Protein backbone atom coordinates (compact mmCIF):
# COMPACT_ATOMS: atom_id res chain seq x y z
CA MET A 1 -7.61 -31.70 -0.47
CA ASP A 2 -6.87 -29.21 -3.30
CA VAL A 3 -3.81 -27.57 -1.74
CA GLU A 4 -0.39 -29.02 -2.43
CA PRO A 5 1.37 -29.78 0.90
CA ASN A 6 4.37 -27.44 0.43
CA ARG A 7 2.70 -24.83 -1.76
CA LEU A 8 2.76 -21.32 -0.37
CA SER A 9 -0.68 -19.79 -0.13
CA ASP A 10 -1.99 -16.98 -2.28
CA ALA A 11 -1.87 -14.84 0.87
CA ASP A 12 1.91 -15.46 1.08
CA LEU A 13 2.31 -14.60 -2.57
CA ARG A 14 0.16 -11.47 -2.17
CA ARG A 15 2.26 -10.34 0.83
CA PHE A 16 5.46 -10.90 -1.17
CA VAL A 17 4.20 -8.75 -4.05
CA LEU A 18 2.92 -5.97 -1.79
CA ASP A 19 6.21 -5.89 0.12
CA ARG A 20 8.20 -5.69 -3.13
CA LEU A 21 6.04 -2.82 -4.38
CA ALA A 22 6.75 -0.98 -1.11
CA GLU A 23 10.48 -1.62 -1.53
CA ASP A 24 10.26 -0.30 -5.09
CA ALA A 25 8.63 2.89 -3.80
CA ASP A 26 11.59 3.26 -1.43
CA ARG A 27 14.00 2.70 -4.34
CA LEU A 28 12.28 5.43 -6.32
CA ALA A 29 12.51 7.79 -3.34
CA ARG A 30 16.28 7.14 -3.31
CA GLU A 31 16.32 7.90 -7.05
CA GLU A 32 17.02 4.25 -7.92
CA LEU A 33 15.22 2.30 -10.63
CA PRO A 34 12.36 0.21 -9.19
CA LEU A 35 12.68 -3.50 -9.93
CA LEU A 36 9.23 -3.46 -11.52
CA ASP A 37 10.44 -0.89 -14.06
CA GLU A 38 13.55 -3.00 -14.65
CA ALA A 39 11.36 -6.05 -15.31
CA GLU A 40 9.42 -4.03 -17.87
CA ARG A 41 12.63 -2.95 -19.57
CA ARG A 42 13.73 -6.58 -19.77
CA GLY A 43 10.40 -7.53 -21.39
CA ARG A 44 9.17 -9.74 -18.55
CA LEU A 45 5.86 -7.87 -18.25
CA ALA A 46 4.28 -4.56 -19.21
CA VAL A 47 1.83 -2.13 -17.64
CA LEU A 48 -0.07 -0.32 -20.40
CA ARG A 49 -2.85 2.17 -20.69
CA SER A 50 -6.07 0.92 -22.23
CA ASP A 51 -6.97 2.29 -25.66
CA ASP A 52 -9.24 4.90 -24.11
CA GLY A 53 -6.58 5.81 -21.52
CA ARG A 54 -8.88 5.31 -18.55
CA GLU A 55 -7.53 1.99 -17.27
CA LEU A 56 -4.23 0.21 -16.88
CA LEU A 57 -3.55 -3.30 -18.11
CA LEU A 58 -0.94 -5.80 -16.97
CA VAL A 59 0.32 -8.06 -19.73
CA PRO A 60 3.01 -10.74 -19.80
CA GLY A 61 6.07 -10.17 -21.96
CA GLU A 62 7.14 -7.11 -23.84
CA ALA A 63 4.34 -4.87 -25.07
CA ARG A 64 4.25 -4.44 -28.81
CA THR A 65 2.06 -1.66 -30.11
CA THR A 66 1.81 0.17 -33.40
CA ASP A 67 1.95 3.53 -31.63
CA GLU A 68 4.85 4.84 -29.58
CA ARG A 69 4.15 3.68 -26.05
CA VAL A 70 4.48 6.23 -23.26
CA PRO A 71 5.57 4.48 -20.05
CA VAL A 72 3.15 4.62 -17.14
CA PRO A 73 4.85 6.45 -14.25
CA PHE A 74 5.89 4.11 -11.44
CA GLN A 75 3.74 5.76 -8.76
CA GLU A 76 0.60 5.46 -10.88
CA LYS A 77 1.16 1.81 -11.83
CA ALA A 78 2.22 0.85 -8.29
CA ARG A 79 -0.96 2.40 -6.85
CA TRP A 80 -3.08 0.52 -9.40
CA LEU A 81 -1.22 -2.76 -8.87
CA ARG A 82 -1.58 -2.52 -5.08
CA GLU A 83 -5.33 -2.03 -5.50
CA GLU A 84 -5.53 -5.03 -7.82
CA VAL A 85 -3.48 -7.23 -5.48
CA GLU A 86 -5.46 -6.21 -2.40
CA ALA A 87 -8.78 -6.86 -4.19
CA GLU A 88 -8.27 -10.65 -4.08
CA PRO A 89 -6.67 -11.17 -7.49
CA ASP A 90 -6.29 -14.51 -9.15
CA ARG A 91 -3.06 -16.45 -8.73
CA SER A 92 -1.97 -15.81 -12.33
CA LEU A 93 -1.86 -12.04 -11.70
CA LEU A 94 0.13 -12.58 -8.52
CA LEU A 95 2.56 -14.94 -10.28
CA LEU A 96 3.13 -12.49 -13.11
CA LEU A 97 3.89 -9.68 -10.66
CA ALA A 98 6.09 -11.90 -8.51
CA SER A 99 8.14 -12.75 -11.60
CA ALA A 100 9.35 -9.14 -11.66
CA TYR A 101 11.09 -9.84 -8.36
CA GLU A 102 12.53 -13.31 -8.94
CA GLU A 103 16.01 -12.13 -7.97
CA HIS A 104 14.79 -11.22 -4.46
CA HIS A 105 15.85 -13.66 -1.72
CA GLY A 106 12.23 -14.27 -0.73
CA TRP A 107 11.14 -15.34 -4.20
CA GLN A 108 10.09 -18.99 -4.48
CA GLU A 109 10.94 -21.22 -7.44
CA GLU A 110 7.36 -22.56 -7.44
CA TRP A 111 6.23 -19.10 -8.55
CA ARG A 112 8.06 -19.31 -11.88
CA THR A 113 5.58 -18.68 -14.68
């Protein structure tokens, strides 16, 4: 059997990420900084526009570019991330997103990247 006995499923991880994105939308509505934006500020991950500006990219760590980087607005990146997560992403994408929320009580140590 390929599944580790105590390993949470990708469906659990996906639900965790989607729930945190919804909580971040609520934070933004209350004029609080979303945790995803805070994770970007701390250099844990970055959501960038592609060179042609038509797509978004999720990258681990702090983004280093030669040009001044304009932050992607939270609502735009959250919408894109939800679509990516709901479209059956690979576990590495889910783990990277979950890392933005590792201070949440529902975060699991096994998700550490």
